[in-house]
Amino acid sequence: MKHIEFFKVSGSGNDFIIIDNRDRIIDEKNLKNFVANVCRRKMSVGADGFILIEKSDSVDFRWRFFNADGNPAEMCGNGARCAARFAYLNRIAGSKMSFETEAGIVSAKVSNDLVKINIPEPAELKTDYLLDLENGALKISSINTGVPHVVIVMDSIDNVDVVKLGREIRFHDMFAPAGTNVNFICQNKDDTISIRTYERGVEDETLACGTGAVAAAIVTAFKFGAESPVRVITKSGESLYIYYKVNNGKCSDVYLEGDARIIYKGELYEDAWEYSL
């Protein structure tokens, strides 16, 4: 049987399947189905996302990122940190590196299991506007941190129905056709932020979302004057740290830092992707 080597890597609770595709070992013809099948939990390895590491003519490597449904995405903060650690451990790059993404060139620094990356300059920030939903209007903010995010500030996020409300907002006509990720956040007394995220492409709540954590930090910076760095506590209990500068109403020099842990290395056999439901 055909088999493909892979790594399983977790970034603060976001888990990813990473494959070294510099020698083009992955079949492009059925790539979407391949990704969706190997990312499906209980039926295969299971993951929030899928990453291919490929050759680049200008920087250390190029990545292609896919959500668990098999669709490509421009950026994934935690995925980028995991890709950087994978590249370092496999001698594809040094501890300081840069790589191509659809959202632009990302730089990274690896220190043991801690990885810090730059995030493309946030865009399309819009705070405190109303979104009409089934149960009435809801005040939201939105921003693009490489991918689109909605941020909803609440007094408490413990009892929010993340999947139901997140799905309604994710597929709302205002964000069509691409849709959006949805983050529910609350500010804690120690100036940290707690966050829960519904991720587009996973179509469920995830244990962490790097670009979502960045979106939360930037929104709170503009709404409440939160100072860099902001510590964001994810659903997994792990913390992400967001660094940034705010000048003349614009945000720049944005960095995301957190853990990227190698969970295991294995081989995918054809049974992992050649099945139907």
C-alpha atoms as a PDB file:
ATOM      1  CA  MET A   1       0.000   0.000   0.000  1.00  0.00           C
ATOM      2  CA  LYS A   2       1.096   3.559  -0.698  1.00  0.00           C
ATOM      3  CA  HIS A   3       2.112   5.444   2.420  1.00  0.00           C
ATOM      4  CA  ILE A   4       2.952   9.094   3.175  1.00  0.00           C
ATOM      5  CA  GLU A   5       4.975  10.348   6.123  1.00  0.00           C
ATOM      6  CA  PHE A   6       3.350  13.077   8.219  1.00  0.00           C
ATOM      7  CA  PHE A   7       3.690  14.958  11.485  1.00  0.00           C
ATOM      8  CA  LYS A   8       0.887  15.828  13.885  1.00  0.00           C
ATOM      9  CA  VAL A   9       1.569  19.192  15.524  1.00  0.00           C
ATOM     10  CA  SER A  10      -0.498  21.148  18.033  1.00  0.00           C
ATOM     11  CA  GLY A  11      -0.420  24.908  18.490  1.00  0.00           C
ATOM     12  CA  SER A  12      -2.131  25.808  21.766  1.00  0.00           C
ATOM     13  CA  GLY A  13      -4.840  23.249  21.053  1.00  0.00           C
ATOM     14  CA  ASN A  14      -5.170  23.736  17.286  1.00  0.00           C
ATOM     15  CA  ASP A  15      -3.954  20.506  15.696  1.00  0.00           C
ATOM     16  CA  PHE A  16      -2.551  20.084  12.199  1.00  0.00           C
ATOM     17  CA  ILE A  17      -1.335  17.393   9.830  1.00  0.00           C
ATOM     18  CA  ILE A  18       1.903  18.552   8.180  1.00  0.00           C
ATOM     19  CA  ILE A  19       3.508  16.891   5.154  1.00  0.00           C
ATOM     20  CA  ASP A  20       6.815  17.690   3.455  1.00  0.00           C
ATOM     21  CA  ASN A  21       5.691  18.069  -0.154  1.00  0.00           C
ATOM     22  CA  ARG A  22       8.894  19.527  -1.587  1.00  0.00           C
ATOM     23  CA  ASP A  23       9.211  16.492  -3.844  1.00  0.00           C
ATOM     24  CA  ARG A  24       5.537  16.695  -4.876  1.00  0.00           C
ATOM     25  CA  ILE A  25       4.455  13.419  -3.314  1.00  0.00           C
ATOM     26  CA  ILE A  26       0.809  14.489  -2.939  1.00  0.00           C
ATOM     27  CA  ASP A  27      -1.663  13.853  -5.773  1.00  0.00           C
ATOM     28  CA  GLU A  28      -3.131  17.208  -6.836  1.00  0.00           C
ATOM     29  CA  LYS A  29      -6.124  15.723  -8.686  1.00  0.00           C
ATOM     30  CA  ASN A  30      -8.124  14.766  -5.618  1.00  0.00           C
ATOM     31  CA  LEU A  31      -6.454  17.053  -3.106  1.00  0.00           C
ATOM     32  CA  LYS A  32      -9.601  18.556  -1.566  1.00  0.00           C
ATOM     33  CA  ASN A  33     -11.104  15.132  -0.902  1.00  0.00           C
ATOM     34  CA  PHE A  34      -7.752  13.813   0.360  1.00  0.00           C
ATOM     35  CA  VAL A  35      -7.448  16.648   2.891  1.00  0.00           C
ATOM     36  CA  ALA A  36     -11.044  16.375   4.071  1.00  0.00           C
ATOM     37  CA  ASN A  37     -10.754  12.615   4.550  1.00  0.00           C
ATOM     38  CA  VAL A  38      -7.500  12.601   6.522  1.00  0.00           C
ATOM     39  CA  CYS A  39      -8.717  15.512   8.688  1.00  0.00           C
ATOM     40  CA  ARG A  40     -11.975  13.738   9.581  1.00  0.00           C
ATOM     41  CA  ARG A  41     -11.826  12.692  13.221  1.00  0.00           C
ATOM     42  CA  LYS A  42     -12.468   9.044  14.146  1.00  0.00           C
ATOM     43  CA  MET A  43     -12.422   8.050  10.472  1.00  0.00           C
ATOM     44  CA  SER A  44      -8.769   9.019   9.953  1.00  0.00           C
ATOM     45  CA  VAL A  45      -5.999  10.966  11.707  1.00  0.00           C
ATOM     46  CA  GLY A  46      -8.215  13.968  12.341  1.00  0.00           C
ATOM     47  CA  ALA A  47      -7.113  17.612  12.546  1.00  0.00           C
ATOM     48  CA  ASP A  48      -8.295  21.217  12.442  1.00  0.00           C
ATOM     49  CA  GLY A  49      -6.132  21.883   9.412  1.00  0.00           C
ATOM     50  CA  PHE A  50      -3.697  20.471   6.869  1.00  0.00           C
ATOM     51  CA  ILE A  51      -0.361  21.949   5.766  1.00  0.00           C
ATOM     52  CA  LEU A  52       1.878  21.201   2.795  1.00  0.00           C
ATOM     53  CA  ILE A  53       5.499  22.397   2.957  1.00  0.00           C
ATOM     54  CA  GLU A  54       6.840  23.132  -0.525  1.00  0.00           C
ATOM     55  CA  LYS A  55       9.832  24.700  -2.252  1.00  0.00           C
ATOM     56  CA  SER A  56      10.216  28.447  -2.640  1.00  0.00           C
ATOM     57  CA  ASP A  57      12.473  30.405  -4.991  1.00  0.00           C
ATOM     58  CA  SER A  58      12.738  33.407  -2.680  1.00  0.00           C
ATOM     59  CA  VAL A  59      12.461  32.346   0.997  1.00  0.00           C
ATOM     60  CA  ASP A  60      12.974  29.210   3.109  1.00  0.00           C
ATOM     61  CA  PHE A  61       9.830  27.466   1.927  1.00  0.00           C
ATOM     62  CA  ARG A  62       6.274  27.905   0.726  1.00  0.00           C
ATOM     63  CA  TRP A  63       3.242  26.546   2.513  1.00  0.00           C
ATOM     64  CA  ARG A  64      -0.237  25.679   1.397  1.00  0.00           C
ATOM     65  CA  PHE A  65      -2.826  25.656   4.153  1.00  0.00           C
ATOM     66  CA  PHE A  66      -6.192  23.894   4.073  1.00  0.00           C
ATOM     67  CA  ASN A  67      -9.068  23.884   6.524  1.00  0.00           C
ATOM     68  CA  ALA A  68     -10.428  20.548   7.673  1.00  0.00           C
ATOM     69  CA  ASP A  69     -13.120  20.657   4.981  1.00  0.00           C
ATOM     70  CA  GLY A  70     -10.433  20.569   2.292  1.00  0.00           C
ATOM     71  CA  ASN A  71     -10.772  24.192   1.228  1.00  0.00           C
ATOM     72  CA  PRO A  72      -7.650  26.388   1.112  1.00  0.00           C
ATOM     73  CA  ALA A  73      -7.282  29.407   3.404  1.00  0.00           C
ATOM     74  CA  GLU A  74      -4.987  32.395   3.106  1.00  0.00           C
ATOM     75  CA  MET A  75      -3.599  32.275   6.631  1.00  0.00           C
ATOM     76  CA  CYS A  76      -3.682  30.413   9.940  1.00  0.00           C
ATOM     77  CA  GLY A  77      -1.722  31.831  12.859  1.00  0.00           C
ATOM     78  CA  ASN A  78      -1.341  28.664  14.892  1.00  0.00           C
ATOM     79  CA  GLY A  79      -0.767  26.642  11.742  1.00  0.00           C
ATOM     80  CA  ALA A  80       2.034  28.999  10.731  1.00  0.00           C
ATOM     81  CA  ARG A  81       3.714  28.551  14.099  1.00  0.00           C
ATOM     82  CA  CYS A  82       3.444  24.767  13.791  1.00  0.00           C
ATOM     83  CA  ALA A  83       4.809  24.865  10.236  1.00  0.00           C
ATOM     84  CA  ALA A  84       7.797  26.875  11.466  1.00  0.00           C
ATOM     85  CA  ARG A  85       8.641  24.353  14.176  1.00  0.00           C
ATOM     86  CA  PHE A  86       8.241  21.483  11.697  1.00  0.00           C
ATOM     87  CA  ALA A  87      10.578  23.216   9.240  1.00  0.00           C
ATOM     88  CA  TYR A  88      13.179  23.851  11.925  1.00  0.00           C
ATOM     89  CA  LEU A  89      13.153  20.287  13.273  1.00  0.00           C
ATOM     90  CA  ASN A  90      13.380  18.851   9.755  1.00  0.00           C
ATOM     91  CA  ARG A  91      16.273  21.179   8.808  1.00  0.00           C
ATOM     92  CA  ILE A  92      14.251  22.909   6.121  1.00  0.00           C
ATOM     93  CA  ALA A  93      15.018  26.229   7.808  1.00  0.00           C
ATOM     94  CA  GLY A  94      17.017  27.648  10.702  1.00  0.00           C
ATOM     95  CA  SER A  95      15.557  28.921  13.956  1.00  0.00           C
ATOM     96  CA  LYS A  96      14.828  32.224  12.192  1.00  0.00           C
ATOM     97  CA  MET A  97      12.998  31.824   8.907  1.00  0.00           C
ATOM     98  CA  SER A  98      10.517  33.254   6.449  1.00  0.00           C
ATOM     99  CA  PHE A  99       7.988  31.490   4.261  1.00  0.00           C
ATOM    100  CA  GLU A 100       5.359  32.189   1.633  1.00  0.00           C
ATOM    101  CA  THR A 101       1.627  32.168   2.399  1.00  0.00           C
ATOM    102  CA  GLU A 102      -1.352  33.422   0.420  1.00  0.00           C
ATOM    103  CA  ALA A 103      -1.516  36.329   2.897  1.00  0.00           C
ATOM    104  CA  GLY A 104       2.103  37.323   2.256  1.00  0.00           C
ATOM    105  CA  ILE A 105       5.555  36.476   3.578  1.00  0.00           C
ATOM    106  CA  VAL A 106       5.574  35.319   7.210  1.00  0.00           C
ATOM    107  CA  SER A 107       8.684  35.445   9.390  1.00  0.00           C
ATOM    108  CA  ALA A 108       9.130  33.163  12.384  1.00  0.00           C
ATOM    109  CA  LYS A 109      11.492  32.554  15.272  1.00  0.00           C
ATOM    110  CA  VAL A 110      11.651  29.146  16.976  1.00  0.00           C
ATOM    111  CA  SER A 111      12.880  28.736  20.548  1.00  0.00           C
ATOM    112  CA  ASN A 112      12.332  25.175  21.805  1.00  0.00           C
ATOM    113  CA  ASP A 113       8.567  24.657  21.584  1.00  0.00           C
ATOM    114  CA  LEU A 114       7.815  28.393  21.594  1.00  0.00           C
ATOM    115  CA  VAL A 115       7.274  30.030  18.202  1.00  0.00           C
ATOM    116  CA  LYS A 116       6.736  33.705  17.407  1.00  0.00           C
ATOM    117  CA  ILE A 117       5.516  34.826  13.987  1.00  0.00           C
ATOM    118  CA  ASN A 118       4.623  38.105  12.357  1.00  0.00           C
ATOM    119  CA  ILE A 119       1.030  38.548  11.228  1.00  0.00           C
ATOM    120  CA  PRO A 120       0.110  40.466   8.054  1.00  0.00           C
ATOM    121  CA  GLU A 121      -0.993  43.997   8.888  1.00  0.00           C
ATOM    122  CA  PRO A 122      -4.638  43.834  10.015  1.00  0.00           C
ATOM    123  CA  ALA A 123      -7.151  45.407   7.657  1.00  0.00           C
ATOM    124  CA  GLU A 124     -10.826  46.276   7.398  1.00  0.00           C
ATOM    125  CA  LEU A 125     -11.254  47.051  11.105  1.00  0.00           C
ATOM    126  CA  LYS A 126     -14.828  48.042  11.893  1.00  0.00           C
ATOM    127  CA  THR A 127     -15.993  48.351  15.495  1.00  0.00           C
ATOM    128  CA  ASP A 128     -19.369  48.366  17.223  1.00  0.00           C
ATOM    129  CA  TYR A 129     -21.949  47.895  14.521  1.00  0.00           C
ATOM    130  CA  LEU A 130     -25.191  45.946  14.577  1.00  0.00           C
ATOM    131  CA  LEU A 131     -25.773  42.627  12.837  1.00  0.00           C
ATOM    132  CA  ASP A 132     -29.359  41.443  12.443  1.00  0.00           C
ATOM    133  CA  LEU A 133     -29.771  37.862  13.625  1.00  0.00           C
ATOM    134  CA  GLU A 134     -32.641  35.482  14.232  1.00  0.00           C
ATOM    135  CA  ASN A 135     -33.062  36.588  17.861  1.00  0.00           C
ATOM    136  CA  GLY A 136     -32.425  40.291  17.274  1.00  0.00           C
ATOM    137  CA  ALA A 137     -29.541  42.628  16.541  1.00  0.00           C
ATOM    138  CA  LEU A 138     -26.120  41.935  18.031  1.00  0.00           C
ATOM    139  CA  LYS A 139     -23.278  44.443  18.409  1.00  0.00           C
ATOM    140  CA  ILE A 140     -20.135  43.139  16.734  1.00  0.00           C
ATOM    141  CA  SER A 141     -16.733  44.235  15.485  1.00  0.00           C
ATOM    142  CA  SER A 142     -14.833  42.783  12.555  1.00  0.00           C
ATOM    143  CA  ILE A 143     -11.294  42.710  11.199  1.00  0.00           C
ATOM    144  CA  ASN A 144      -9.128  40.775   8.749  1.00  0.00           C
ATOM    145  CA  THR A 145      -5.955  39.363  10.317  1.00  0.00           C
ATOM    146  CA  GLY A 146      -5.026  37.321   7.262  1.00  0.00           C
ATOM    147  CA  VAL A 147      -8.499  35.805   7.261  1.00  0.00           C
ATOM    148  CA  PRO A 148     -11.814  37.489   8.226  1.00  0.00           C
ATOM    149  CA  HIS A 149     -12.939  37.549  11.855  1.00  0.00           C
ATOM    150  CA  VAL A 150     -15.935  38.818  13.798  1.00  0.00           C
ATOM    151  CA  VAL A 151     -15.299  39.704  17.444  1.00  0.00           C
ATOM    152  CA  ILE A 152     -18.094  39.897  20.011  1.00  0.00           C
ATOM    153  CA  VAL A 153     -17.311  41.326  23.442  1.00  0.00           C
ATOM    154  CA  MET A 154     -19.349  39.784  26.250  1.00  0.00           C
ATOM    155  CA  ASP A 155     -19.461  39.934  30.052  1.00  0.00           C
ATOM    156  CA  SER A 156     -18.934  36.158  30.166  1.00  0.00           C
ATOM    157  CA  ILE A 157     -18.340  33.506  27.503  1.00  0.00           C
ATOM    158  CA  ASP A 158     -18.891  30.466  29.724  1.00  0.00           C
ATOM    159  CA  ASN A 159     -22.449  29.761  28.622  1.00  0.00           C
ATOM    160  CA  VAL A 160     -22.516  31.091  25.063  1.00  0.00           C
ATOM    161  CA  ASP A 161     -23.680  28.626  22.398  1.00  0.00           C
ATOM    162  CA  VAL A 162     -20.588  29.034  20.261  1.00  0.00           C
ATOM    163  CA  VAL A 163     -21.623  26.569  17.571  1.00  0.00           C
ATOM    164  CA  LYS A 164     -25.190  27.793  17.057  1.00  0.00           C
ATOM    165  CA  LEU A 165     -24.509  31.517  17.189  1.00  0.00           C
ATOM    166  CA  GLY A 166     -21.132  31.208  15.517  1.00  0.00           C
ATOM    167  CA  ARG A 167     -22.604  29.268  12.606  1.00  0.00           C
ATOM    168  CA  GLU A 168     -25.385  31.819  12.104  1.00  0.00           C
ATOM    169  CA  ILE A 169     -22.869  34.666  11.909  1.00  0.00           C
ATOM    170  CA  ARG A 170     -20.349  32.664   9.863  1.00  0.00           C
ATOM    171  CA  PHE A 171     -22.952  32.122   7.096  1.00  0.00           C
ATOM    172  CA  HIS A 172     -24.619  35.553   7.396  1.00  0.00           C
ATOM    173  CA  ASP A 173     -25.321  37.345   4.120  1.00  0.00           C
ATOM    174  CA  MET A 174     -23.163  40.268   5.249  1.00  0.00           C
ATOM    175  CA  PHE A 175     -20.061  38.039   5.057  1.00  0.00           C
ATOM    176  CA  ALA A 176     -21.021  36.057   1.951  1.00  0.00           C
ATOM    177  CA  PRO A 177     -19.724  34.376  -0.034  1.00  0.00           C
ATOM    178  CA  ALA A 178     -16.480  33.602   1.817  1.00  0.00           C
ATOM    179  CA  GLY A 179     -17.953  33.674   5.324  1.00  0.00           C
ATOM    180  CA  THR A 180     -16.121  34.609   8.505  1.00  0.00           C
ATOM    181  CA  ASN A 181     -14.630  33.198  11.681  1.00  0.00           C
ATOM    182  CA  VAL A 182     -16.437  34.207  14.870  1.00  0.00           C
ATOM    183  CA  ASN A 183     -14.844  34.993  18.245  1.00  0.00           C
ATOM    184  CA  PHE A 184     -16.565  35.476  21.583  1.00  0.00           C
ATOM    185  CA  ILE A 185     -14.365  37.257  24.097  1.00  0.00           C
ATOM    186  CA  CYS A 186     -14.438  38.715  27.592  1.00  0.00           C
ATOM    187  CA  GLN A 187     -11.945  40.862  29.451  1.00  0.00           C
ATOM    188  CA  ASN A 188     -10.663  39.528  32.754  1.00  0.00           C
ATOM    189  CA  LYS A 189      -9.713  41.519  35.837  1.00  0.00           C
ATOM    190  CA  ASP A 190      -6.007  40.783  35.282  1.00  0.00           C
ATOM    191  CA  ASP A 191      -6.179  42.393  31.786  1.00  0.00           C
ATOM    192  CA  THR A 192      -6.091  39.053  30.004  1.00  0.00           C
ATOM    193  CA  ILE A 193      -8.714  38.091  27.435  1.00  0.00           C
ATOM    194  CA  SER A 194     -10.600  34.810  27.378  1.00  0.00           C
ATOM    195  CA  ILE A 195     -11.745  33.641  23.971  1.00  0.00           C
ATOM    196  CA  ARG A 196     -13.883  30.995  22.305  1.00  0.00           C
ATOM    197  CA  THR A 197     -13.884  30.642  18.528  1.00  0.00           C
ATOM    198  CA  TYR A 198     -16.088  29.167  15.826  1.00  0.00           C
ATOM    199  CA  GLU A 199     -13.771  28.439  12.904  1.00  0.00           C
ATOM    200  CA  ARG A 200     -14.809  28.656   9.295  1.00  0.00           C
ATOM    201  CA  GLY A 201     -13.791  25.503   7.427  1.00  0.00           C
ATOM    202  CA  VAL A 202     -13.723  23.424  10.599  1.00  0.00           C
ATOM    203  CA  GLU A 203     -17.379  24.398  11.124  1.00  0.00           C
ATOM    204  CA  ASP A 204     -17.138  23.906  14.866  1.00  0.00           C
ATOM    205  CA  GLU A 205     -15.621  25.416  17.973  1.00  0.00           C
ATOM    206  CA  THR A 206     -11.871  24.831  18.169  1.00  0.00           C
ATOM    207  CA  LEU A 207      -9.589  24.825  21.193  1.00  0.00           C
ATOM    208  CA  ALA A 208      -7.606  27.787  19.863  1.00  0.00           C
ATOM    209  CA  CYS A 209      -7.348  30.120  16.878  1.00  0.00           C
ATOM    210  CA  GLY A 210      -4.238  32.225  16.345  1.00  0.00           C
ATOM    211  CA  THR A 211      -5.643  34.786  13.918  1.00  0.00           C
ATOM    212  CA  GLY A 212      -8.750  34.941  16.121  1.00  0.00           C
ATOM    213  CA  ALA A 213      -6.620  35.746  19.160  1.00  0.00           C
ATOM    214  CA  VAL A 214      -4.929  38.501  17.157  1.00  0.00           C
ATOM    215  CA  ALA A 215      -8.336  39.837  16.086  1.00  0.00           C
ATOM    216  CA  ALA A 216      -9.478  39.883  19.719  1.00  0.00           C
ATOM    217  CA  ALA A 217      -6.366  41.738  20.876  1.00  0.00           C
ATOM    218  CA  ILE A 218      -6.531  44.370  18.142  1.00  0.00           C
ATOM    219  CA  VAL A 219     -10.240  45.018  18.670  1.00  0.00           C
ATOM    220  CA  THR A 220      -9.721  45.472  22.414  1.00  0.00           C
ATOM    221  CA  ALA A 221      -6.759  47.763  21.708  1.00  0.00           C
ATOM    222  CA  PHE A 222      -8.939  50.078  19.631  1.00  0.00           C
ATOM    223  CA  LYS A 223     -12.065  49.773  21.770  1.00  0.00           C
ATOM    224  CA  PHE A 224     -10.567  49.823  25.263  1.00  0.00           C
ATOM    225  CA  GLY A 225      -6.957  50.896  24.854  1.00  0.00           C
ATOM    226  CA  ALA A 226      -5.445  47.480  25.688  1.00  0.00           C
ATOM    227  CA  GLU A 227      -1.656  47.704  25.710  1.00  0.00           C
ATOM    228  CA  SER A 228       0.747  45.319  23.979  1.00  0.00           C
ATOM    229  CA  PRO A 229       1.409  42.513  24.645  1.00  0.00           C
ATOM    230  CA  VAL A 230      -2.052  41.096  25.233  1.00  0.00           C
ATOM    231  CA  ARG A 231      -2.358  37.632  26.737  1.00  0.00           C
ATOM    232  CA  VAL A 232      -5.267  35.670  25.253  1.00  0.00           C
ATOM    233  CA  ILE A 233      -6.447  32.558  27.086  1.00  0.00           C
ATOM    234  CA  THR A 234      -7.797  29.965  24.681  1.00  0.00           C
ATOM    235  CA  LYS A 235     -10.403  27.252  25.158  1.00  0.00           C
ATOM    236  CA  SER A 236      -7.570  24.731  25.656  1.00  0.00           C
ATOM    237  CA  GLY A 237      -6.285  26.729  28.622  1.00  0.00           C
ATOM    238  CA  GLU A 238      -3.080  27.612  26.784  1.00  0.00           C
ATOM    239  CA  SER A 239      -2.112  31.253  26.352  1.00  0.00           C
ATOM    240  CA  LEU A 240      -1.268  33.164  23.198  1.00  0.00           C
ATOM    241  CA  TYR A 241       0.592  36.477  23.324  1.00  0.00           C
ATOM    242  CA  ILE A 242      -0.099  39.212  20.795  1.00  0.00           C
ATOM    243  CA  TYR A 243       2.339  42.090  20.250  1.00  0.00           C
ATOM    244  CA  TYR A 244       1.522  45.187  18.194  1.00  0.00           C
ATOM    245  CA  LYS A 245       1.999  48.928  17.710  1.00  0.00           C
ATOM    246  CA  VAL A 246      -0.816  51.435  17.246  1.00  0.00           C
ATOM    247  CA  ASN A 247      -0.031  54.754  15.554  1.00  0.00           C
ATOM    248  CA  ASN A 248      -2.436  57.274  14.043  1.00  0.00           C
ATOM    249  CA  GLY A 249      -5.327  54.843  14.162  1.00  0.00           C
ATOM    250  CA  LYS A 250      -3.418  52.087  12.404  1.00  0.00           C
ATOM    251  CA  CYS A 251      -2.003  48.827  13.730  1.00  0.00           C
ATOM    252  CA  SER A 252       1.404  47.490  12.672  1.00  0.00           C
ATOM    253  CA  ASP A 253       4.257  45.191  13.744  1.00  0.00           C
ATOM    254  CA  VAL A 254       1.833  42.470  14.828  1.00  0.00           C
ATOM    255  CA  TYR A 255       3.283  39.256  16.250  1.00  0.00           C
ATOM    256  CA  LEU A 256       1.713  36.068  17.600  1.00  0.00           C
ATOM    257  CA  GLU A 257       3.580  33.898  20.106  1.00  0.00           C
ATOM    258  CA  GLY A 258       2.718  30.565  21.701  1.00  0.00           C
ATOM    259  CA  ASP A 259       3.578  26.894  21.918  1.00  0.00           C
ATOM    260  CA  ALA A 260       3.889  24.544  18.931  1.00  0.00           C
ATOM    261  CA  ARG A 261       4.249  20.951  20.102  1.00  0.00           C
ATOM    262  CA  ILE A 262       5.156  17.877  18.075  1.00  0.00           C
ATOM    263  CA  ILE A 263       2.569  15.249  19.006  1.00  0.00           C
ATOM    264  CA  TYR A 264       3.696  12.367  16.830  1.00  0.00           C
ATOM    265  CA  LYS A 265       5.185  11.309  13.521  1.00  0.00           C
ATOM    266  CA  GLY A 266       3.546   8.597  11.461  1.00  0.00           C
ATOM    267  CA  GLU A 267       2.636   7.224   8.052  1.00  0.00           C
ATOM    268  CA  LEU A 268      -0.658   7.639   6.253  1.00  0.00           C
ATOM    269  CA  TYR A 269      -1.760   4.521   4.393  1.00  0.00           C
ATOM    270  CA  GLU A 270      -4.309   4.554   1.574  1.00  0.00           C
ATOM    271  CA  ASP A 271      -7.018   3.484   3.986  1.00  0.00           C
ATOM    272  CA  ALA A 272      -6.592   6.878   5.695  1.00  0.00           C
ATOM    273  CA  TRP A 273      -7.994   8.754   2.692  1.00  0.00           C
ATOM    274  CA  GLU A 274      -9.559   6.231   0.311  1.00  0.00           C
ATOM    275  CA  TYR A 275     -12.957   5.749   1.894  1.00  0.00           C
ATOM    276  CA  SER A 276     -16.457   7.116   1.424  1.00  0.00           C
ATOM    277  CA  LEU A 277     -19.213   7.946   3.876  1.00  0.00           C
END
